[in-house]
Amino acid sequence: GAPVAETALVENATVAAAVVFRRWSS
């Protein structure tokens, strides 16, 4: 139920978590 513009495909859930943590760690 998400807009395509707000969505991406990544390798797995651990990578997705790392993407989030990368933003937070700034």
mmCIF file of all heavy atoms, coordinates in Angstrom:
data_MODEL
# 
_entry.id   MODEL 
# 
loop_
_atom_site.group_PDB 
_atom_site.id 
_atom_site.type_symbol 
_atom_site.label_atom_id 
_atom_site.label_alt_id 
_atom_site.label_comp_id 
_atom_site.label_asym_id 
_atom_site.label_entity_id 
_atom_site.label_seq_id 
_atom_site.pdbx_PDB_ins_code 
_atom_site.Cartn_x 
_atom_site.Cartn_y 
_atom_site.Cartn_z 
_atom_site.occupancy 
_atom_site.B_iso_or_equiv 
_atom_site.pdbx_formal_charge 
_atom_site.auth_seq_id 
_atom_site.auth_comp_id 
_atom_site.auth_asym_id 
_atom_site.auth_atom_id 
_atom_site.pdbx_PDB_model_num 
ATOM 1   N N   . GLY A 1 1  ? 0.790  -1.222 0.000  1.00 0.00 ? 1  GLY A N   1 
ATOM 2   C CA  . GLY A 1 1  ? 0.000  0.000  0.000  1.00 0.00 ? 1  GLY A CA  1 
ATOM 3   C C   . GLY A 1 1  ? 0.817  1.265  0.000  1.00 0.00 ? 1  GLY A C   1 
ATOM 4   O O   . GLY A 1 1  ? 0.401  2.286  0.573  1.00 0.00 ? 1  GLY A O   1 
ATOM 5   N N   . ALA A 1 2  ? 1.977  1.238  -0.653 1.00 0.00 ? 2  ALA A N   1 
ATOM 6   C CA  . ALA A 1 2  ? 2.887  2.385  -0.639 1.00 0.00 ? 2  ALA A CA  1 
ATOM 7   C C   . ALA A 1 2  ? 2.992  3.034  -2.019 1.00 0.00 ? 2  ALA A C   1 
ATOM 8   O O   . ALA A 1 2  ? 2.912  2.345  -3.039 1.00 0.00 ? 2  ALA A O   1 
ATOM 9   C CB  . ALA A 1 2  ? 4.275  1.947  -0.177 1.00 0.00 ? 2  ALA A CB  1 
ATOM 10  N N   . PRO A 1 3  ? 3.217  4.333  -2.094 1.00 0.00 ? 3  PRO A N   1 
ATOM 11  C CA  . PRO A 1 3  ? 3.510  4.978  -3.372 1.00 0.00 ? 3  PRO A CA  1 
ATOM 12  C C   . PRO A 1 3  ? 4.844  4.480  -3.922 1.00 0.00 ? 3  PRO A C   1 
ATOM 13  O O   . PRO A 1 3  ? 5.796  4.268  -3.156 1.00 0.00 ? 3  PRO A O   1 
ATOM 14  C CB  . PRO A 1 3  ? 3.587  6.470  -3.021 1.00 0.00 ? 3  PRO A CB  1 
ATOM 15  C CG  . PRO A 1 3  ? 2.904  6.595  -1.694 1.00 0.00 ? 3  PRO A CG  1 
ATOM 16  C CD  . PRO A 1 3  ? 3.144  5.304  -0.989 1.00 0.00 ? 3  PRO A CD  1 
ATOM 17  N N   . VAL A 1 4  ? 4.930  4.321  -5.230 1.00 0.00 ? 4  VAL A N   1 
ATOM 18  C CA  . VAL A 1 4  ? 6.177  3.836  -5.835 1.00 0.00 ? 4  VAL A CA  1 
ATOM 19  C C   . VAL A 1 4  ? 7.327  4.799  -5.543 1.00 0.00 ? 4  VAL A C   1 
ATOM 20  O O   . VAL A 1 4  ? 8.470  4.371  -5.314 1.00 0.00 ? 4  VAL A O   1 
ATOM 21  C CB  . VAL A 1 4  ? 6.005  3.650  -7.354 1.00 0.00 ? 4  VAL A CB  1 
ATOM 22  C CG1 . VAL A 1 4  ? 7.310  3.198  -7.998 1.00 0.00 ? 4  VAL A CG1 1 
ATOM 23  C CG2 . VAL A 1 4  ? 4.898  2.658  -7.650 1.00 0.00 ? 4  VAL A CG2 1 
ATOM 24  N N   . ALA A 1 5  ? 7.050  6.094  -5.526 1.00 0.00 ? 5  ALA A N   1 
ATOM 25  C CA  . ALA A 1 5  ? 8.097  7.090  -5.302 1.00 0.00 ? 5  ALA A CA  1 
ATOM 26  C C   . ALA A 1 5  ? 8.732  6.982  -3.926 1.00 0.00 ? 5  ALA A C   1 
ATOM 27  O O   . ALA A 1 5  ? 9.840  7.486  -3.703 1.00 0.00 ? 5  ALA A O   1 
ATOM 28  C CB  . ALA A 1 5  ? 7.536  8.495  -5.498 1.00 0.00 ? 5  ALA A CB  1 
ATOM 29  N N   . GLU A 1 6  ? 8.053  6.313  -2.991 1.00 0.00 ? 6  GLU A N   1 
ATOM 30  C CA  . GLU A 1 6  ? 8.571  6.153  -1.626 1.00 0.00 ? 6  GLU A CA  1 
ATOM 31  C C   . GLU A 1 6  ? 9.077  4.738  -1.373 1.00 0.00 ? 6  GLU A C   1 
ATOM 32  O O   . GLU A 1 6  ? 9.282  4.343  -0.228 1.00 0.00 ? 6  GLU A O   1 
ATOM 33  C CB  . GLU A 1 6  ? 7.469  6.485  -0.612 1.00 0.00 ? 6  GLU A CB  1 
ATOM 34  C CG  . GLU A 1 6  ? 6.957  7.910  -0.703 1.00 0.00 ? 6  GLU A CG  1 
ATOM 35  C CD  . GLU A 1 6  ? 5.778  8.179  0.219  1.00 0.00 ? 6  GLU A CD  1 
ATOM 36  O OE1 . GLU A 1 6  ? 5.322  7.221  0.892  1.00 0.00 ? 6  GLU A OE1 1 
ATOM 37  O OE2 . GLU A 1 6  ? 5.307  9.319  0.259  1.00 0.00 ? 6  GLU A OE2 1 
ATOM 38  N N   . THR A 1 7  ? 9.306  3.973  -2.449 1.00 0.00 ? 7  THR A N   1 
ATOM 39  C CA  . THR A 1 7  ? 9.600  2.550  -2.307 1.00 0.00 ? 7  THR A CA  1 
ATOM 40  C C   . THR A 1 7  ? 10.841 2.176  -3.104 1.00 0.00 ? 7  THR A C   1 
ATOM 41  O O   . THR A 1 7  ? 11.083 2.704  -4.184 1.00 0.00 ? 7  THR A O   1 
ATOM 42  C CB  . THR A 1 7  ? 8.406  1.707  -2.797 1.00 0.00 ? 7  THR A CB  1 
ATOM 43  O OG1 . THR A 1 7  ? 7.219  2.144  -2.129 1.00 0.00 ? 7  THR A OG1 1 
ATOM 44  C CG2 . THR A 1 7  ? 8.618  0.230  -2.523 1.00 0.00 ? 7  THR A CG2 1 
ATOM 45  N N   . ALA A 1 8  ? 11.619 1.250  -2.556 1.00 0.00 ? 8  ALA A N   1 
ATOM 46  C CA  . ALA A 1 8  ? 12.795 0.727  -3.251 1.00 0.00 ? 8  ALA A CA  1 
ATOM 47  C C   . ALA A 1 8  ? 12.920 -0.760 -2.960 1.00 0.00 ? 8  ALA A C   1 
ATOM 48  O O   . ALA A 1 8  ? 12.351 -1.267 -1.983 1.00 0.00 ? 8  ALA A O   1 
ATOM 49  C CB  . ALA A 1 8  ? 14.063 1.454  -2.799 1.00 0.00 ? 8  ALA A CB  1 
ATOM 50  N N   . LEU A 1 9  ? 13.657 -1.456 -3.810 1.00 0.00 ? 9  LEU A N   1 
ATOM 51  C CA  . LEU A 1 9  ? 13.992 -2.853 -3.579 1.00 0.00 ? 9  LEU A CA  1 
ATOM 52  C C   . LEU A 1 9  ? 15.452 -2.932 -3.150 1.00 0.00 ? 9  LEU A C   1 
ATOM 53  O O   . LEU A 1 9  ? 16.322 -2.329 -3.767 1.00 0.00 ? 9  LEU A O   1 
ATOM 54  C CB  . LEU A 1 9  ? 13.768 -3.693 -4.838 1.00 0.00 ? 9  LEU A CB  1 
ATOM 55  C CG  . LEU A 1 9  ? 12.332 -3.811 -5.336 1.00 0.00 ? 9  LEU A CG  1 
ATOM 56  C CD1 . LEU A 1 9  ? 12.296 -4.629 -6.629 1.00 0.00 ? 9  LEU A CD1 1 
ATOM 57  C CD2 . LEU A 1 9  ? 11.434 -4.445 -4.283 1.00 0.00 ? 9  LEU A CD2 1 
ATOM 58  N N   . VAL A 1 10 ? 15.709 -3.695 -2.087 1.00 0.00 ? 10 VAL A N   1 
ATOM 59  C CA  . VAL A 1 10 ? 17.081 -3.937 -1.629 1.00 0.00 ? 10 VAL A CA  1 
ATOM 60  C C   . VAL A 1 10 ? 17.259 -5.445 -1.448 1.00 0.00 ? 10 VAL A C   1 
ATOM 61  O O   . VAL A 1 10 ? 16.328 -6.219 -1.644 1.00 0.00 ? 10 VAL A O   1 
ATOM 62  C CB  . VAL A 1 10 ? 17.388 -3.183 -0.317 1.00 0.00 ? 10 VAL A CB  1 
ATOM 63  C CG1 . VAL A 1 10 ? 17.322 -1.682 -0.541 1.00 0.00 ? 10 VAL A CG1 1 
ATOM 64  C CG2 . VAL A 1 10 ? 16.426 -3.592 0.795  1.00 0.00 ? 10 VAL A CG2 1 
ATOM 65  N N   . GLU A 1 11 ? 18.477 -5.864 -1.069 1.00 0.00 ? 11 GLU A N   1 
ATOM 66  C CA  . GLU A 1 11 ? 18.800 -7.293 -1.079 1.00 0.00 ? 11 GLU A CA  1 
ATOM 67  C C   . GLU A 1 11 ? 18.054 -8.105 -0.038 1.00 0.00 ? 11 GLU A C   1 
ATOM 68  O O   . GLU A 1 11 ? 17.562 -9.193 -0.317 1.00 0.00 ? 11 GLU A O   1 
ATOM 69  C CB  . GLU A 1 11 ? 20.314 -7.489 -0.878 1.00 0.00 ? 11 GLU A CB  1 
ATOM 70  C CG  . GLU A 1 11 ? 21.167 -6.966 -2.013 1.00 0.00 ? 11 GLU A CG  1 
ATOM 71  C CD  . GLU A 1 11 ? 21.614 -5.535 -1.820 1.00 0.00 ? 11 GLU A CD  1 
ATOM 72  O OE1 . GLU A 1 11 ? 20.869 -4.744 -1.207 1.00 0.00 ? 11 GLU A OE1 1 
ATOM 73  O OE2 . GLU A 1 11 ? 22.714 -5.183 -2.286 1.00 0.00 ? 11 GLU A OE2 1 
ATOM 74  N N   . ASN A 1 12 ? 17.990 -7.621 1.196  1.00 0.00 ? 12 ASN A N   1 
ATOM 75  C CA  . ASN A 1 12 ? 17.315 -8.363 2.254  1.00 0.00 ? 12 ASN A CA  1 
ATOM 76  C C   . ASN A 1 12 ? 16.999 -7.419 3.402  1.00 0.00 ? 12 ASN A C   1 
ATOM 77  O O   . ASN A 1 12 ? 17.335 -6.224 3.354  1.00 0.00 ? 12 ASN A O   1 
ATOM 78  C CB  . ASN A 1 12 ? 18.154 -9.562 2.732  1.00 0.00 ? 12 ASN A CB  1 
ATOM 79  C CG  . ASN A 1 12 ? 19.544 -9.156 3.178  1.00 0.00 ? 12 ASN A CG  1 
ATOM 80  O OD1 . ASN A 1 12 ? 19.713 -8.179 3.915  1.00 0.00 ? 12 ASN A OD1 1 
ATOM 81  N ND2 . ASN A 1 12 ? 20.560 -9.882 2.736  1.00 0.00 ? 12 ASN A ND2 1 
ATOM 82  N N   . ALA A 1 13 ? 16.329 -7.935 4.419  1.00 0.00 ? 13 ALA A N   1 
ATOM 83  C CA  . ALA A 1 13 ? 15.868 -7.090 5.513  1.00 0.00 ? 13 ALA A CA  1 
ATOM 84  C C   . ALA A 1 13 ? 17.026 -6.526 6.334  1.00 0.00 ? 13 ALA A C   1 
ATOM 85  O O   . ALA A 1 13 ? 16.926 -5.417 6.866  1.00 0.00 ? 13 ALA A O   1 
ATOM 86  C CB  . ALA A 1 13 ? 14.919 -7.870 6.418  1.00 0.00 ? 13 ALA A CB  1 
ATOM 87  N N   . THR A 1 14 ? 18.113 -7.258 6.445  1.00 0.00 ? 14 THR A N   1 
ATOM 88  C CA  . THR A 1 14 ? 19.264 -6.750 7.183  1.00 0.00 ? 14 THR A CA  1 
ATOM 89  C C   . THR A 1 14 ? 19.870 -5.550 6.469  1.00 0.00 ? 14 THR A C   1 
ATOM 90  O O   . THR A 1 14 ? 20.289 -4.570 7.118  1.00 0.00 ? 14 THR A O   1 
ATOM 91  C CB  . THR A 1 14 ? 20.314 -7.854 7.374  1.00 0.00 ? 14 THR A CB  1 
ATOM 92  O OG1 . THR A 1 14 ? 19.696 -8.986 8.009  1.00 0.00 ? 14 THR A OG1 1 
ATOM 93  C CG2 . THR A 1 14 ? 21.457 -7.378 8.245  1.00 0.00 ? 14 THR A CG2 1 
ATOM 94  N N   . VAL A 1 15 ? 19.918 -5.598 5.133  1.00 0.00 ? 15 VAL A N   1 
ATOM 95  C CA  . VAL A 1 15 ? 20.379 -4.439 4.357  1.00 0.00 ? 15 VAL A CA  1 
ATOM 96  C C   . VAL A 1 15 ? 19.432 -3.262 4.563  1.00 0.00 ? 15 VAL A C   1 
ATOM 97  O O   . VAL A 1 15 ? 19.866 -2.115 4.734  1.00 0.00 ? 15 VAL A O   1 
ATOM 98  C CB  . VAL A 1 15 ? 20.502 -4.800 2.869  1.00 0.00 ? 15 VAL A CB  1 
ATOM 99  C CG1 . VAL A 1 15 ? 20.737 -3.551 2.023  1.00 0.00 ? 15 VAL A CG1 1 
ATOM 100 C CG2 . VAL A 1 15 ? 21.636 -5.795 2.654  1.00 0.00 ? 15 VAL A CG2 1 
ATOM 101 N N   . ALA A 1 16 ? 18.126 -3.523 4.549  1.00 0.00 ? 16 ALA A N   1 
ATOM 102 C CA  . ALA A 1 16 ? 17.155 -2.453 4.768  1.00 0.00 ? 16 ALA A CA  1 
ATOM 103 C C   . ALA A 1 16 ? 17.365 -1.800 6.126  1.00 0.00 ? 16 ALA A C   1 
ATOM 104 O O   . ALA A 1 16 ? 17.321 -0.567 6.251  1.00 0.00 ? 16 ALA A O   1 
ATOM 105 C CB  . ALA A 1 16 ? 15.742 -2.999 4.648  1.00 0.00 ? 16 ALA A CB  1 
ATOM 106 N N   . ALA A 1 17 ? 17.597 -2.616 7.153  1.00 0.00 ? 17 ALA A N   1 
ATOM 107 C CA  . ALA A 1 17 ? 17.854 -2.059 8.486  1.00 0.00 ? 17 ALA A CA  1 
ATOM 108 C C   . ALA A 1 17 ? 19.118 -1.215 8.476  1.00 0.00 ? 17 ALA A C   1 
ATOM 109 O O   . ALA A 1 17 ? 19.163 -0.140 9.095  1.00 0.00 ? 17 ALA A O   1 
ATOM 110 C CB  . ALA A 1 17 ? 17.975 -3.187 9.506  1.00 0.00 ? 17 ALA A CB  1 
ATOM 111 N N   . ALA A 1 18 ? 20.153 -1.668 7.770  1.00 0.00 ? 18 ALA A N   1 
ATOM 112 C CA  . ALA A 1 18 ? 21.401 -0.911 7.689  1.00 0.00 ? 18 ALA A CA  1 
ATOM 113 C C   . ALA A 1 18 ? 21.191 0.429  6.986  1.00 0.00 ? 18 ALA A C   1 
ATOM 114 O O   . ALA A 1 18 ? 21.817 1.437  7.345  1.00 0.00 ? 18 ALA A O   1 
ATOM 115 C CB  . ALA A 1 18 ? 22.462 -1.730 6.968  1.00 0.00 ? 18 ALA A CB  1 
ATOM 116 N N   . VAL A 1 19 ? 20.309 0.453  5.973  1.00 0.00 ? 19 VAL A N   1 
ATOM 117 C CA  . VAL A 1 19 ? 19.975 1.698  5.290  1.00 0.00 ? 19 VAL A CA  1 
ATOM 118 C C   . VAL A 1 19 ? 19.353 2.682  6.272  1.00 0.00 ? 19 VAL A C   1 
ATOM 119 O O   . VAL A 1 19 ? 19.704 3.865  6.308  1.00 0.00 ? 19 VAL A O   1 
ATOM 120 C CB  . VAL A 1 19 ? 19.017 1.426  4.109  1.00 0.00 ? 19 VAL A CB  1 
ATOM 121 C CG1 . VAL A 1 19 ? 18.429 2.725  3.568  1.00 0.00 ? 19 VAL A CG1 1 
ATOM 122 C CG2 . VAL A 1 19 ? 19.744 0.692  2.988  1.00 0.00 ? 19 VAL A CG2 1 
ATOM 123 N N   . VAL A 1 20 ? 18.429 2.195  7.091  1.00 0.00 ? 20 VAL A N   1 
ATOM 124 C CA  . VAL A 1 20 ? 17.797 3.045  8.095  1.00 0.00 ? 20 VAL A CA  1 
ATOM 125 C C   . VAL A 1 20 ? 18.828 3.525  9.109  1.00 0.00 ? 20 VAL A C   1 
ATOM 126 O O   . VAL A 1 20 ? 18.896 4.717  9.445  1.00 0.00 ? 20 VAL A O   1 
ATOM 127 C CB  . VAL A 1 20 ? 16.660 2.284  8.806  1.00 0.00 ? 20 VAL A CB  1 
ATOM 128 C CG1 . VAL A 1 20 ? 16.076 3.128  9.941  1.00 0.00 ? 20 VAL A CG1 1 
ATOM 129 C CG2 . VAL A 1 20 ? 15.563 1.907  7.808  1.00 0.00 ? 20 VAL A CG2 1 
ATOM 130 N N   . PHE A 1 21 ? 19.662 2.620  9.594  1.00 0.00 ? 21 PHE A N   1 
ATOM 131 C CA  . PHE A 1 21 ? 20.670 2.988  10.593 1.00 0.00 ? 21 PHE A CA  1 
ATOM 132 C C   . PHE A 1 21 ? 21.678 3.986  10.020 1.00 0.00 ? 21 PHE A C   1 
ATOM 133 O O   . PHE A 1 21 ? 22.199 4.841  10.747 1.00 0.00 ? 21 PHE A O   1 
ATOM 134 C CB  . PHE A 1 21 ? 21.391 1.742  11.094 1.00 0.00 ? 21 PHE A CB  1 
ATOM 135 C CG  . PHE A 1 21 ? 20.520 0.822  11.909 1.00 0.00 ? 21 PHE A CG  1 
ATOM 136 C CD1 . PHE A 1 21 ? 20.794 -0.545 11.974 1.00 0.00 ? 21 PHE A CD1 1 
ATOM 137 C CD2 . PHE A 1 21 ? 19.426 1.304  12.617 1.00 0.00 ? 21 PHE A CD2 1 
ATOM 138 C CE1 . PHE A 1 21 ? 19.996 -1.401 12.721 1.00 0.00 ? 21 PHE A CE1 1 
ATOM 139 C CE2 . PHE A 1 21 ? 18.623 0.454  13.368 1.00 0.00 ? 21 PHE A CE2 1 
ATOM 140 C CZ  . PHE A 1 21 ? 18.909 -0.903 13.417 1.00 0.00 ? 21 PHE A CZ  1 
ATOM 141 N N   . ARG A 1 22 ? 21.943 3.876  8.738  1.00 0.00 ? 22 ARG A N   1 
ATOM 142 C CA  . ARG A 1 22 ? 22.874 4.822  8.107  1.00 0.00 ? 22 ARG A CA  1 
ATOM 143 C C   . ARG A 1 22 ? 22.342 6.244  8.221  1.00 0.00 ? 22 ARG A C   1 
ATOM 144 O O   . ARG A 1 22 ? 23.083 7.179  8.487  1.00 0.00 ? 22 ARG A O   1 
ATOM 145 C CB  . ARG A 1 22 ? 23.081 4.445  6.646  1.00 0.00 ? 22 ARG A CB  1 
ATOM 146 C CG  . ARG A 1 22 ? 24.075 5.340  5.910  1.00 0.00 ? 22 ARG A CG  1 
ATOM 147 C CD  . ARG A 1 22 ? 24.134 4.978  4.441  1.00 0.00 ? 22 ARG A CD  1 
ATOM 148 N NE  . ARG A 1 22 ? 25.064 5.821  3.715  1.00 0.00 ? 22 ARG A NE  1 
ATOM 149 C CZ  . ARG A 1 22 ? 24.968 6.114  2.427  1.00 0.00 ? 22 ARG A CZ  1 
ATOM 150 N NH1 . ARG A 1 22 ? 23.950 5.625  1.738  1.00 0.00 ? 22 ARG A NH1 1 
ATOM 151 N NH2 . ARG A 1 22 ? 25.849 6.873  1.827  1.00 0.00 ? 22 ARG A NH2 1 
ATOM 152 N N   . ARG A 1 23 ? 21.044 6.402  7.999  1.00 0.00 ? 23 ARG A N   1 
ATOM 153 C CA  . ARG A 1 23 ? 20.451 7.736  8.149  1.00 0.00 ? 23 ARG A CA  1 
ATOM 154 C C   . ARG A 1 23 ? 20.501 8.186  9.606  1.00 0.00 ? 23 ARG A C   1 
ATOM 155 O O   . ARG A 1 23 ? 20.902 9.313  9.902  1.00 0.00 ? 23 ARG A O   1 
ATOM 156 C CB  . ARG A 1 23 ? 19.012 7.727  7.651  1.00 0.00 ? 23 ARG A CB  1 
ATOM 157 C CG  . ARG A 1 23 ? 18.262 9.028  7.951  1.00 0.00 ? 23 ARG A CG  1 
ATOM 158 C CD  . ARG A 1 23 ? 16.822 8.985  7.515  1.00 0.00 ? 23 ARG A CD  1 
ATOM 159 N NE  . ARG A 1 23 ? 16.069 10.087 8.090  1.00 0.00 ? 23 ARG A NE  1 
ATOM 160 C CZ  . ARG A 1 23 ? 16.017 11.318 7.585  1.00 0.00 ? 23 ARG A CZ  1 
ATOM 161 N NH1 . ARG A 1 23 ? 16.685 11.604 6.487  1.00 0.00 ? 23 ARG A NH1 1 
ATOM 162 N NH2 . ARG A 1 23 ? 15.307 12.269 8.172  1.00 0.00 ? 23 ARG A NH2 1 
ATOM 163 N N   . TRP A 1 24 ? 20.109 7.299  10.514 1.00 0.00 ? 24 TRP A N   1 
ATOM 164 C CA  . TRP A 1 24 ? 20.075 7.679  11.918 1.00 0.00 ? 24 TRP A CA  1 
ATOM 165 C C   . TRP A 1 24 ? 21.462 7.989  12.465 1.00 0.00 ? 24 TRP A C   1 
ATOM 166 O O   . TRP A 1 24 ? 21.622 8.859  13.315 1.00 0.00 ? 24 TRP A O   1 
ATOM 167 C CB  . TRP A 1 24 ? 19.427 6.564  12.730 1.00 0.00 ? 24 TRP A CB  1 
ATOM 168 C CG  . TRP A 1 24 ? 17.953 6.405  12.481 1.00 0.00 ? 24 TRP A CG  1 
ATOM 169 C CD1 . TRP A 1 24 ? 17.147 7.222  11.738 1.00 0.00 ? 24 TRP A CD1 1 
ATOM 170 C CD2 . TRP A 1 24 ? 17.111 5.362  12.980 1.00 0.00 ? 24 TRP A CD2 1 
ATOM 171 N NE1 . TRP A 1 24 ? 15.854 6.745  11.735 1.00 0.00 ? 24 TRP A NE1 1 
ATOM 172 C CE2 . TRP A 1 24 ? 15.802 5.608  12.492 1.00 0.00 ? 24 TRP A CE2 1 
ATOM 173 C CE3 . TRP A 1 24 ? 17.336 4.233  13.770 1.00 0.00 ? 24 TRP A CE3 1 
ATOM 174 C CZ2 . TRP A 1 24 ? 14.728 4.771  12.787 1.00 0.00 ? 24 TRP A CZ2 1 
ATOM 175 C CZ3 . TRP A 1 24 ? 16.260 3.399  14.063 1.00 0.00 ? 24 TRP A CZ3 1 
ATOM 176 C CH2 . TRP A 1 24 ? 14.972 3.671  13.582 1.00 0.00 ? 24 TRP A CH2 1 
ATOM 177 N N   . SER A 1 25 ? 22.470 7.282  11.979 1.00 0.00 ? 25 SER A N   1 
ATOM 178 C CA  . SER A 1 25 ? 23.824 7.479  12.519 1.00 0.00 ? 25 SER A CA  1 
ATOM 179 C C   . SER A 1 25 ? 24.419 8.817  12.117 1.00 0.00 ? 25 SER A C   1 
ATOM 180 O O   . SER A 1 25 ? 25.446 9.229  12.670 1.00 0.00 ? 25 SER A O   1 
ATOM 181 C CB  . SER A 1 25 ? 24.752 6.346  12.067 1.00 0.00 ? 25 SER A CB  1 
ATOM 182 O OG  . SER A 1 25 ? 24.925 6.359  10.665 1.00 0.00 ? 25 SER A OG  1 
ATOM 183 N N   . SER A 1 26 ? 23.799 9.522  11.176 1.00 0.00 ? 26 SER A N   1 
ATOM 184 C CA  . SER A 1 26 ? 24.285 10.855 10.814 1.00 0.00 ? 26 SER A CA  1 
ATOM 185 C C   . SER A 1 26 ? 24.047 11.854 11.951 1.00 0.00 ? 26 SER A C   1 
ATOM 186 O O   . SER A 1 26 ? 24.659 12.913 12.001 1.00 0.00 ? 26 SER A O   1 
ATOM 187 C CB  . SER A 1 26 ? 23.610 11.349 9.529  1.00 0.00 ? 26 SER A CB  1 
ATOM 188 O OG  . SER A 1 26 ? 22.212 11.529 9.726  1.00 0.00 ? 26 SER A OG  1 
# 
